[in-house]
Amino acid sequence: MKPIKLPVAELKPALTGLGKVLNGRSALAILSNIKVERTHDGWIALTSTDLDRWATVRLEHPAEGPPATVLLPFDQLSQLVKSCGKGESIEVMSSGDHTLIHFPLGDTLGESKMPFVSPDEFPATPRLRNESIPLSSTLRESLLEAMDCASVDSTRYVLNGTFIDARDSKANYVVATDGKHLYSANSFTLPLKESVIIPTHKFLEWKEFGSDGEWQMRVGEKHLQLSSRRWRFITKTIEGNYPDWRAPIPNPADAKTAITLDPAKLETLIKLIQRMPCHNDRYHTLGLEWKGGQFMLMGKDKPEEDWLRVPVPDIQGRGPDVTVFLDRNYLAKGFGYGLNTISLISAVAPIRLHSGGRQLIVMPVRANDAEPASAPSKPAPPPAVVTAASSPQPPPKAEQPTPTPPMQTHPSSNGKHHPATNGTTTSAASPVDKVDTKPSLEAALLQIEGIKTGFREAINGLTKVGDHIRQAMREQKSGEKEIQGIRQTLRTLQSVRI
């Protein structure tokens, strides 16, 4: 066959993207290969897969020659390309029982030989025949923001993706949640007959794919395709009923306190949040206090210490005084999305960060009603406010925050749409809003929810331990691959023909 020429300048970034789809732990040897093909029109395309996802990249310029397909081991090709310059090219071809790679070696060509693997063994790429749907930059940004809020808990796989709610054909929503915070964006209209759940994947967050032109989407029966100018990503969709995501969203009309921040100052505010002292490494507790027309952040280094209050300038606020506690990571995430308005109902109601048609709902942490019984009673000193012109004074003792149960999402029973927008969303009041007036049976249900939360945290802890073990295994495997790459390079040099 006539060799297929691959420019190294295009091959290096292509291998980076293709590698994000490969599963290095797969027991199927064929999945460690990438498919290189020259089409009837002369275009060169490279494909990788893990059986659930397929990534394909088309090189910039067509090449002469008849259609041809070659399978190449990904690791061996990557090691070879690393030693080549950007202005160089390699050639691949099949010859009898071997596949050959010709690469520059000084003033001549080196040759790497490997056993031939039939291209017919490579898994076929699904073909989606539906019409392509252009995705605006706003919709694409919302999809990526939602993916950042999706759950990583494998026991709730239906939440491991972004939900495009198409039940209202005139107002589609992009939604994702992990049970502790929920993202939604509206004002989209897509020609979708049914809602779809797109699994979260690191390839979609890859900057090279995001900067490769406008995205197009095709939705099939069990697969979804996202494509750019040169890249095509196909993934299996998540099957199942997405929970009723509207249930935990507070009614905007119930929010009596609203603080609006200067959008130009959000980046500075994120850095301030990161520098605030944190006494709880598990919940990353941060307080928000609106009092006397002033908005302040609250933090402390140790649980027994008093709260340190830092005022936030350049804000516009209204409403009664209120103090809430939440996970600072979610607050910083919302500011990173440009959500510059905070709507508050009470200390125990969900916190709503929003801007335009996008919103992030964050569950608060709950503060105790009294100091510990062993704590001696003493008059509270006046609160201290940290300013640039004054040193901090000891603030009064504050309540110790404890976690509230995660937001509850309930599976939709009939799939009917209940009209709601970010401006008119309604929901039942949070169970913690009326905890003092609940009958004993409902109090028992709240206790059950607390126990369930404990189990979820334990499962999450085990998941993190498993992640650390897998990371250690990957590092060990990476070291073995480096050694194998050195050995392969030596064998390559030994097989050079001058």
Protein backbone atom coordinates (compact mmCIF):
# COMPACT_ATOMS: atom_id res chain seq x y z
CA MET A 1 0.00 0.00 0.00
CA LYS A 2 1.04 3.60 -0.46
CA PRO A 3 2.25 5.02 2.89
CA ILE A 4 -0.01 7.39 4.84
CA LYS A 5 1.90 10.57 5.68
CA LEU A 6 1.28 12.12 9.14
CA PRO A 7 2.71 15.60 9.93
CA VAL A 8 4.16 15.61 13.45
CA ALA A 9 2.91 19.18 14.11
CA GLU A 10 -0.69 17.93 13.79
CA LEU A 11 -0.08 14.46 15.19
CA LYS A 12 1.11 15.57 18.65
CA PRO A 13 -2.07 17.47 19.68
CA ALA A 14 -4.18 14.81 17.96
CA LEU A 15 -2.68 12.08 20.13
CA THR A 16 -3.38 14.17 23.25
CA GLY A 17 -7.08 14.28 22.43
CA LEU A 18 -7.29 10.65 21.34
CA GLY A 19 -5.57 9.58 24.54
CA LYS A 20 -8.35 11.11 26.66
CA VAL A 21 -10.75 8.47 25.32
CA LEU A 22 -8.48 5.42 25.58
CA ASN A 23 -8.87 3.15 28.59
CA GLY A 24 -5.39 2.11 29.66
CA ARG A 25 -6.79 -0.59 31.96
CA SER A 26 -8.88 -2.35 29.33
CA ALA A 27 -8.38 -6.10 29.00
CA LEU A 28 -9.03 -5.87 25.24
CA ALA A 29 -5.72 -5.39 23.45
CA ILE A 30 -7.42 -3.94 20.37
CA LEU A 31 -8.50 -0.88 22.40
CA SER A 32 -4.87 0.13 22.92
CA ASN A 33 -4.66 0.89 19.18
CA ILE A 34 -5.77 3.89 17.17
CA LYS A 35 -7.16 3.60 13.66
CA VAL A 36 -5.45 5.64 10.93
CA GLU A 37 -7.34 5.83 7.66
CA ARG A 38 -7.13 7.61 4.34
CA THR A 39 -10.58 8.15 2.84
CA HIS A 40 -11.68 8.12 -0.82
CA ASP A 41 -11.33 11.92 -0.81
CA GLY A 42 -7.78 11.74 0.54
CA TRP A 43 -8.58 13.00 4.04
CA ILE A 44 -6.57 11.49 6.91
CA ALA A 45 -8.56 10.59 10.04
CA LEU A 46 -7.46 9.06 13.36
CA THR A 47 -9.87 7.34 15.76
CA SER A 48 -9.67 5.97 19.31
CA THR A 49 -12.36 4.27 21.43
CA ASP A 50 -13.10 2.59 24.75
CA LEU A 51 -16.33 0.96 23.43
CA ASP A 52 -18.50 3.63 25.11
CA ARG A 53 -16.95 6.66 23.42
CA TRP A 54 -15.26 7.37 20.09
CA ALA A 55 -13.01 10.33 19.28
CA THR A 56 -12.03 11.10 15.69
CA VAL A 57 -9.81 13.88 14.37
CA ARG A 58 -9.34 14.88 10.73
CA LEU A 59 -5.98 16.33 9.69
CA GLU A 60 -5.90 19.71 8.00
CA HIS A 61 -4.87 18.74 4.47
CA PRO A 62 -5.80 15.80 2.22
CA ALA A 63 -3.13 13.46 0.83
CA GLU A 64 -2.78 11.54 -2.38
CA GLY A 65 -3.36 7.83 -2.50
CA PRO A 66 -6.11 5.19 -2.52
CA PRO A 67 -8.22 4.44 0.58
CA ALA A 68 -6.23 2.63 3.26
CA THR A 69 -6.54 1.77 6.96
CA VAL A 70 -3.83 0.89 9.49
CA LEU A 71 -3.98 0.13 13.24
CA LEU A 72 -1.13 1.47 15.36
CA PRO A 73 -0.34 0.93 19.06
CA PHE A 74 -1.03 4.24 20.78
CA ASP A 75 1.82 4.07 23.32
CA GLN A 76 4.44 3.13 20.75
CA LEU A 77 3.32 5.85 18.36
CA SER A 78 3.32 8.45 21.16
CA GLN A 79 6.85 7.59 22.21
CA LEU A 80 8.05 7.80 18.63
CA VAL A 81 6.40 11.16 17.96
CA LYS A 82 7.96 12.71 21.08
CA SER A 83 11.41 12.33 19.54
CA CYS A 84 10.41 14.02 16.26
CA GLY A 85 10.50 17.73 15.42
CA LYS A 86 7.40 19.76 14.59
CA GLY A 87 8.43 20.27 10.97
CA GLU A 88 8.92 16.54 10.36
CA SER A 89 6.53 13.81 9.26
CA ILE A 90 6.21 10.08 9.72
CA GLU A 91 4.79 7.52 7.30
CA VAL A 92 2.77 4.43 8.21
CA MET A 93 1.86 1.45 6.05
CA SER A 94 1.10 -2.26 6.19
CA SER A 95 3.36 -4.78 4.47
CA GLY A 96 2.52 -8.46 4.65
CA ASP A 97 2.46 -9.61 8.26
CA HIS A 98 3.83 -6.34 9.62
CA THR A 99 2.90 -2.72 10.08
CA LEU A 100 5.74 -0.28 9.44
CA ILE A 101 6.40 3.24 10.73
CA HIS A 102 9.06 5.27 8.92
CA PHE A 103 10.41 8.22 10.89
CA PRO A 104 13.20 10.82 10.42
CA LEU A 105 16.57 9.77 11.81
CA GLY A 106 19.18 12.34 10.98
CA ASP A 107 19.70 12.44 7.20
CA THR A 108 17.94 9.12 6.64
CA LEU A 109 14.78 7.26 7.68
CA GLY A 110 14.41 4.88 10.57
CA GLU A 111 11.93 2.02 10.53
CA SER A 112 9.85 0.55 13.36
CA LYS A 113 8.20 -2.80 12.68
CA MET A 114 5.28 -4.35 14.58
CA PRO A 115 2.87 -7.27 14.01
CA PHE A 116 0.00 -6.53 11.65
CA VAL A 117 -3.48 -6.23 13.23
CA SER A 118 -6.48 -6.36 10.91
CA PRO A 119 -8.49 -3.10 10.87
CA ASP A 120 -11.66 -5.24 10.86
CA GLU A 121 -11.04 -6.01 14.54
CA PHE A 122 -11.39 -2.34 15.49
CA PRO A 123 -14.86 -1.49 16.93
CA ALA A 124 -17.11 0.17 14.36
CA THR A 125 -17.91 3.83 14.95
CA PRO A 126 -21.69 4.48 15.36
CA ARG A 127 -23.24 6.49 12.55
CA LEU A 128 -25.90 9.01 13.57
CA ARG A 129 -28.17 10.00 10.70
CA ASN A 130 -30.22 12.72 12.40
CA GLU A 131 -29.83 16.35 11.42
CA SER A 132 -27.02 18.32 13.06
CA ILE A 133 -28.06 20.92 15.64
CA PRO A 134 -25.80 24.01 15.85
CA LEU A 135 -24.89 24.87 19.46
CA SER A 136 -24.40 28.55 20.24
CA SER A 137 -21.44 29.65 22.33
CA THR A 138 -23.82 30.44 25.19
CA LEU A 139 -25.30 26.95 25.14
CA ARG A 140 -21.87 25.36 24.88
CA GLU A 141 -20.68 27.38 27.89
CA SER A 142 -23.76 26.31 29.86
CA LEU A 143 -23.12 22.64 29.00
CA LEU A 144 -19.56 22.85 30.32
CA GLU A 145 -20.63 24.69 33.47
CA ALA A 146 -23.31 22.09 34.11
CA MET A 147 -20.82 19.23 33.66
CA ASP A 148 -18.69 20.83 36.36
CA CYS A 149 -21.64 20.50 38.77
CA ALA A 150 -22.62 16.89 37.94
CA SER A 151 -22.23 14.09 40.44
CA VAL A 152 -19.26 11.71 40.39
CA ASP A 153 -21.00 9.18 42.64
CA SER A 154 -21.16 5.93 40.66
CA THR A 155 -24.10 4.73 42.76
CA ARG A 156 -26.25 7.51 41.22
CA TYR A 157 -25.13 7.15 37.62
CA VAL A 158 -28.12 9.06 36.25
CA LEU A 159 -26.63 12.19 37.89
CA ASN A 160 -23.21 11.64 36.29
CA GLY A 161 -24.06 13.85 33.35
CA THR A 162 -25.77 16.97 32.03
CA PHE A 163 -29.53 16.80 31.52
CA ILE A 164 -31.04 18.67 28.58
CA ASP A 165 -34.68 19.01 29.60
CA ALA A 166 -36.69 19.24 26.35
CA ARG A 167 -40.15 18.62 27.77
CA ASP A 168 -41.09 22.22 27.02
CA SER A 169 -40.25 22.68 23.34
CA LYS A 170 -40.16 26.46 23.72
CA ALA A 171 -37.92 26.57 26.80
CA ASN A 172 -35.21 23.93 27.11
CA TYR A 173 -33.11 23.70 30.26
CA VAL A 174 -29.53 22.55 30.84
CA VAL A 175 -29.30 20.96 34.30
CA ALA A 176 -26.80 19.13 36.51
CA THR A 177 -26.62 18.35 40.22
CA ASP A 178 -24.75 16.25 42.77
CA GLY A 179 -27.35 16.62 45.53
CA LYS A 180 -25.45 19.44 47.27
CA HIS A 181 -25.60 22.07 44.56
CA LEU A 182 -27.65 22.34 41.38
CA TYR A 183 -26.98 24.25 38.16
CA SER A 184 -29.61 25.19 35.61
CA ALA A 185 -29.72 27.45 32.56
CA ASN A 186 -32.69 28.22 30.34
CA SER A 187 -33.71 30.28 27.31
CA PHE A 188 -32.63 27.57 24.85
CA THR A 189 -34.76 26.11 22.07
CA LEU A 190 -33.46 22.95 20.42
CA PRO A 191 -35.25 20.68 17.91
CA LEU A 192 -35.22 17.73 20.32
CA LYS A 193 -38.14 15.33 20.54
CA GLU A 194 -36.98 13.86 23.86
CA SER A 195 -34.78 14.92 26.75
CA VAL A 196 -31.25 13.54 26.86
CA ILE A 197 -28.51 13.02 29.49
CA ILE A 198 -24.95 13.64 28.24
CA PRO A 199 -22.30 11.82 30.33
CA THR A 200 -19.55 14.00 31.73
CA HIS A 201 -16.18 13.31 30.12
CA LYS A 202 -12.77 14.98 30.27
CA PHE A 203 -12.57 15.17 26.46
CA LEU A 204 -15.45 17.66 26.37
CA GLU A 205 -13.58 19.92 28.79
CA TRP A 206 -10.37 19.77 26.74
CA LYS A 207 -9.42 23.28 25.56
CA GLU A 208 -8.35 22.11 22.10
CA PHE A 209 -11.83 20.74 21.41
CA GLY A 210 -13.47 23.88 22.82
CA SER A 211 -11.42 26.18 20.58
CA ASP A 212 -11.90 24.17 17.36
CA GLY A 213 -14.84 26.14 16.02
CA GLU A 214 -18.59 25.89 16.41
CA TRP A 215 -20.07 22.74 17.94
CA GLN A 216 -22.72 20.64 16.20
CA MET A 217 -24.84 18.05 18.01
CA ARG A 218 -26.60 14.94 16.73
CA VAL A 219 -28.81 12.81 18.94
CA GLY A 220 -29.49 9.16 18.17
CA GLU A 221 -31.44 6.46 19.93
CA LYS A 222 -28.60 5.50 22.31
CA HIS A 223 -25.72 7.75 21.23
CA LEU A 224 -24.98 11.46 21.00
CA GLN A 225 -22.40 13.16 18.79
CA LEU A 226 -20.67 16.48 19.38
CA SER A 227 -18.45 17.71 16.57
CA SER A 228 -16.31 20.74 15.85
CA ARG A 229 -14.40 21.76 12.73
CA ARG A 230 -11.98 18.80 12.85
CA TRP A 231 -13.02 16.73 15.87
CA ARG A 232 -15.94 14.36 16.37
CA PHE A 233 -16.87 12.89 19.76
CA ILE A 234 -19.53 10.17 20.05
CA THR A 235 -20.72 8.86 23.40
CA LYS A 236 -23.42 6.59 24.74
CA THR A 237 -26.11 8.58 26.49
CA ILE A 238 -27.20 7.85 30.07
CA GLU A 239 -30.46 5.97 30.19
CA GLY A 240 -32.99 6.43 32.96
CA ASN A 241 -35.34 9.06 34.42
CA TYR A 242 -33.65 12.21 35.65
CA PRO A 243 -34.96 13.32 39.08
CA ASP A 244 -37.39 16.21 39.43
CA TRP A 245 -34.70 18.88 39.52
CA ARG A 246 -37.19 21.72 40.11
CA ALA A 247 -38.19 20.45 43.56
CA PRO A 248 -35.26 21.90 45.57
CA ILE A 249 -35.24 25.27 43.78
CA PRO A 250 -36.61 28.01 46.07
CA ASN A 251 -39.32 30.34 44.88
CA PRO A 252 -37.59 33.61 43.89
CA ALA A 253 -40.56 35.52 45.30
CA ASP A 254 -39.69 34.22 48.79
CA ALA A 255 -36.23 35.81 48.72
CA LYS A 256 -36.41 39.00 50.77
CA THR A 257 -32.67 39.67 50.81
CA ALA A 258 -30.66 40.17 47.63
CA ILE A 259 -27.01 41.19 47.24
CA THR A 260 -25.67 42.15 43.81
CA LEU A 261 -21.92 42.29 43.28
CA ASP A 262 -19.90 44.15 40.67
CA PRO A 263 -19.18 41.61 37.86
CA ALA A 264 -15.74 43.15 37.35
CA LYS A 265 -14.82 42.36 40.98
CA LEU A 266 -15.81 38.68 41.00
CA GLU A 267 -12.30 37.43 40.23
CA THR A 268 -10.90 39.44 43.13
CA LEU A 269 -13.67 38.15 45.38
CA ILE A 270 -12.84 34.53 44.46
CA LYS A 271 -9.26 35.10 45.60
CA LEU A 272 -10.56 36.62 48.85
CA ILE A 273 -12.74 33.56 49.47
CA GLN A 274 -9.75 31.29 48.94
CA ARG A 275 -7.74 33.26 51.51
CA MET A 276 -10.46 33.27 54.18
CA PRO A 277 -9.62 31.05 57.19
CA CYS A 278 -11.36 27.66 57.20
CA HIS A 279 -11.94 25.58 60.34
CA ASN A 280 -13.77 22.73 58.60
CA ASP A 281 -11.86 20.87 55.89
CA ARG A 282 -14.85 18.65 55.21
CA TYR A 283 -17.49 21.27 54.45
CA HIS A 284 -15.16 24.26 53.79
CA THR A 285 -17.53 26.42 55.82
CA LEU A 286 -17.88 30.10 54.98
CA GLY A 287 -20.41 32.55 56.37
CA LEU A 288 -22.32 35.23 54.48
CA GLU A 289 -23.71 38.02 56.65
CA TRP A 290 -25.99 40.83 55.54
CA LYS A 291 -26.42 43.20 58.47
CA GLY A 292 -27.09 46.90 58.70
CA GLY A 293 -26.64 47.41 54.98
CA GLN A 294 -23.20 45.76 54.96
CA PHE A 295 -22.24 42.45 53.35
CA MET A 296 -19.47 40.45 55.04
CA LEU A 297 -17.68 37.12 54.68
CA MET A 298 -17.15 35.09 57.85
CA GLY A 299 -14.42 32.55 58.56
CA LYS A 300 -12.23 31.18 61.33
CA ASP A 301 -9.19 28.94 61.68
CA LYS A 302 -10.46 26.71 64.52
CA PRO A 303 -13.95 25.70 65.69
CA GLU A 304 -13.47 27.27 69.13
CA GLU A 305 -12.37 30.63 67.74
CA ASP A 306 -14.59 33.63 67.07
CA TRP A 307 -15.68 34.48 63.56
CA LEU A 308 -13.53 36.85 61.53
CA ARG A 309 -15.67 39.22 59.46
CA VAL A 310 -14.39 40.78 56.25
CA PRO A 311 -16.59 43.38 54.49
CA VAL A 312 -17.16 43.17 50.75
CA PRO A 313 -17.17 46.56 49.00
CA ASP A 314 -18.92 47.69 45.82
CA ILE A 315 -22.20 45.84 46.39
CA GLN A 316 -25.86 46.69 46.15
CA GLY A 317 -28.16 45.03 48.67
CA ARG A 318 -31.64 45.13 50.06
CA GLY A 319 -33.76 43.21 52.53
CA PRO A 320 -33.70 42.17 56.19
CA ASP A 321 -30.56 41.06 58.01
CA VAL A 322 -29.65 37.40 57.54
CA THR A 323 -26.63 35.14 58.06
CA VAL A 324 -26.07 31.87 56.18
CA PHE A 325 -23.25 29.32 56.03
CA LEU A 326 -22.27 27.33 52.95
CA ASP A 327 -19.41 25.50 51.25
CA ARG A 328 -17.04 28.17 49.97
CA ASN A 329 -16.10 26.07 46.93
CA TYR A 330 -19.66 26.33 45.58
CA LEU A 331 -19.71 30.09 46.17
CA ALA A 332 -16.41 30.52 44.31
CA LYS A 333 -17.71 28.27 41.52
CA GLY A 334 -20.83 30.42 41.09
CA PHE A 335 -18.77 33.60 40.97
CA GLY A 336 -16.51 31.93 38.40
CA TYR A 337 -19.58 31.41 36.21
CA GLY A 338 -20.36 35.14 36.46
CA LEU A 339 -23.38 34.67 38.76
CA ASN A 340 -23.19 37.98 40.62
CA THR A 341 -26.51 38.10 42.50
CA ILE A 342 -27.12 36.26 45.78
CA SER A 343 -30.75 35.73 46.86
CA LEU A 344 -31.39 34.65 50.46
CA ILE A 345 -34.56 33.52 52.20
CA SER A 346 -33.37 32.38 55.63
CA ALA A 347 -30.43 30.75 57.37
CA VAL A 348 -31.71 27.26 56.51
CA ALA A 349 -33.14 27.77 53.00
CA PRO A 350 -31.18 27.04 49.80
CA ILE A 351 -28.98 29.87 48.55
CA ARG A 352 -29.53 31.04 44.98
CA LEU A 353 -26.73 32.54 42.88
CA HIS A 354 -28.02 33.80 39.55
CA SER A 355 -27.53 36.02 36.55
CA GLY A 356 -29.86 36.17 33.58
CA GLY A 357 -31.17 32.69 32.80
CA ARG A 358 -28.45 30.83 34.74
CA GLN A 359 -28.58 29.91 38.41
CA LEU A 360 -26.71 27.82 40.97
CA ILE A 361 -28.65 26.50 43.96
CA VAL A 362 -26.46 25.71 46.99
CA MET A 363 -27.57 23.90 50.13
CA PRO A 364 -26.46 25.71 53.32
CA VAL A 365 -24.86 24.29 56.43
CA ARG A 366 -26.95 24.65 59.56
CA ALA A 367 -25.88 26.44 62.77
CA ASN A 368 -26.70 25.20 66.29
CA ASP A 369 -29.20 27.21 68.29
CA ALA A 370 -27.06 27.35 71.44
CA GLU A 371 -23.51 27.13 72.69
CA PRO A 372 -22.28 23.76 74.08
CA ALA A 373 -23.49 23.05 77.59
CA SER A 374 -19.94 23.06 78.97
CA ALA A 375 -19.20 26.52 77.67
CA PRO A 376 -19.31 29.15 80.43
CA SER A 377 -21.69 32.01 79.93
CA LYS A 378 -20.17 35.42 79.43
CA PRO A 379 -21.28 38.71 77.93
CA ALA A 380 -20.60 38.93 74.23
CA PRO A 381 -18.11 41.59 73.15
CA PRO A 382 -19.05 43.90 70.28
CA PRO A 383 -18.48 42.38 66.81
CA ALA A 384 -15.28 43.28 65.00
CA VAL A 385 -15.08 44.21 61.37
CA VAL A 386 -11.78 43.89 59.51
CA THR A 387 -10.93 46.95 57.44
CA ALA A 388 -7.82 48.20 55.76
CA ALA A 389 -7.47 50.95 58.37
CA SER A 390 -8.09 48.92 61.54
CA SER A 391 -6.80 45.74 63.10
CA PRO A 392 -9.19 42.86 63.80
CA GLN A 393 -10.95 42.75 67.18
CA PRO A 394 -12.42 39.57 68.72
CA PRO A 395 -15.93 39.10 67.31
CA PRO A 396 -18.73 37.54 69.39
CA LYS A 397 -19.10 33.83 69.76
CA ALA A 398 -21.04 32.36 66.85
CA GLU A 399 -22.91 29.16 66.41
CA GLN A 400 -21.01 26.07 65.32
CA PRO A 401 -22.12 25.11 61.79
CA THR A 402 -23.21 21.58 61.09
CA PRO A 403 -24.22 20.12 57.73
CA THR A 404 -27.80 20.09 56.54
CA PRO A 405 -29.14 17.11 54.59
CA PRO A 406 -28.41 17.35 50.86
CA MET A 407 -31.09 18.67 48.55
CA GLN A 408 -33.63 16.00 47.73
CA THR A 409 -34.48 15.32 44.10
CA HIS A 410 -37.33 12.99 43.32
CA PRO A 411 -37.80 10.92 40.15
CA SER A 412 -40.52 12.22 37.92
CA SER A 413 -43.49 9.86 38.04
CA ASN A 414 -45.24 10.79 34.82
CA GLY A 415 -42.77 12.89 32.84
CA LYS A 416 -45.22 15.82 32.69
CA HIS A 417 -43.75 19.28 32.55
CA HIS A 418 -44.49 21.68 35.37
CA PRO A 419 -43.91 25.19 34.00
CA ALA A 420 -41.17 27.04 35.79
CA THR A 421 -38.50 29.55 34.92
CA ASN A 422 -35.66 31.09 36.86
CA GLY A 423 -37.90 34.00 37.61
CA THR A 424 -41.04 32.04 38.58
CA THR A 425 -39.82 28.69 39.87
CA THR A 426 -41.89 27.32 42.75
CA SER A 427 -41.15 24.55 45.17
CA ALA A 428 -42.13 23.21 48.55
CA ALA A 429 -40.45 24.82 51.53
CA SER A 430 -37.27 23.21 52.78
CA PRO A 431 -37.95 20.67 55.58
CA VAL A 432 -35.60 22.53 57.90
CA ASP A 433 -37.63 25.75 57.61
CA LYS A 434 -40.31 24.46 60.01
CA VAL A 435 -38.45 21.92 62.06
CA ASP A 436 -39.86 23.25 65.38
CA THR A 437 -43.49 22.71 64.28
CA LYS A 438 -43.10 19.32 62.62
CA PRO A 439 -45.00 16.40 64.20
CA SER A 440 -43.02 13.49 65.57
CA LEU A 441 -43.37 11.36 62.43
CA GLU A 442 -41.89 14.07 60.23
CA ALA A 443 -39.13 14.61 62.78
CA ALA A 444 -38.35 10.91 62.47
CA LEU A 445 -38.19 11.27 58.69
CA LEU A 446 -35.70 14.10 59.12
CA GLN A 447 -33.59 11.87 61.35
CA ILE A 448 -33.70 9.17 58.67
CA GLU A 449 -32.50 11.71 56.10
CA GLY A 450 -29.61 12.57 58.41
CA ILE A 451 -28.67 8.90 58.69
CA LYS A 452 -28.87 8.53 54.91
CA THR A 453 -26.57 11.54 54.57
CA GLY A 454 -24.07 9.84 56.86
CA PHE A 455 -24.10 6.74 54.67
CA ARG A 456 -23.60 8.87 51.55
CA GLU A 457 -20.62 10.60 53.14
CA ALA A 458 -19.16 7.22 54.09
CA ILE A 459 -19.58 6.00 50.50
CA ASN A 460 -17.96 9.19 49.21
CA GLY A 461 -15.07 8.62 51.61
CA LEU A 462 -14.57 5.10 50.31
CA THR A 463 -14.74 6.43 46.77
CA LYS A 464 -11.97 8.92 47.53
CA VAL A 465 -9.81 6.18 49.04
CA GLY A 466 -10.39 4.13 45.90
CA ASP A 467 -9.40 7.13 43.78
CA HIS A 468 -6.13 7.47 45.71
CA ILE A 469 -5.40 3.77 45.19
CA ARG A 470 -6.16 4.03 41.47
CA GLN A 471 -3.95 7.12 41.23
CA ALA A 472 -1.09 5.22 42.86
CA MET A 473 -1.63 2.35 40.41
CA ARG A 474 -1.64 4.79 37.48
CA GLU A 475 1.61 6.33 38.68
CA GLN A 476 3.15 2.88 39.00
CA LYS A 477 1.89 1.95 35.55
CA SER A 478 3.19 5.25 34.14
CA GLY A 479 6.63 4.42 35.45
CA GLU A 480 6.45 1.01 33.85
CA LYS A 481 5.37 2.62 30.55
CA GLU A 482 8.35 4.98 30.64
CA ILE A 483 10.70 2.05 31.11
CA GLN A 484 8.92 0.19 28.32
CA GLY A 485 9.23 3.28 26.11
CA ILE A 486 12.97 3.43 26.70
CA ARG A 487 13.28 -0.23 25.83
CA GLN A 488 11.16 0.27 22.70
CA THR A 489 13.33 3.21 21.61
CA LEU A 490 16.41 1.08 22.02
CA ARG A 491 14.83 -1.70 19.94
CA THR A 492 13.85 0.88 17.32
CA LEU A 493 17.38 2.17 17.07
CA GLN A 494 18.65 -1.38 16.83
CA SER A 495 16.35 -2.08 13.88
CA VAL A 496 17.44 1.02 11.93
CA ARG A 497 18.42 0.30 8.37
CA ILE A 498 20.92 2.70 6.83
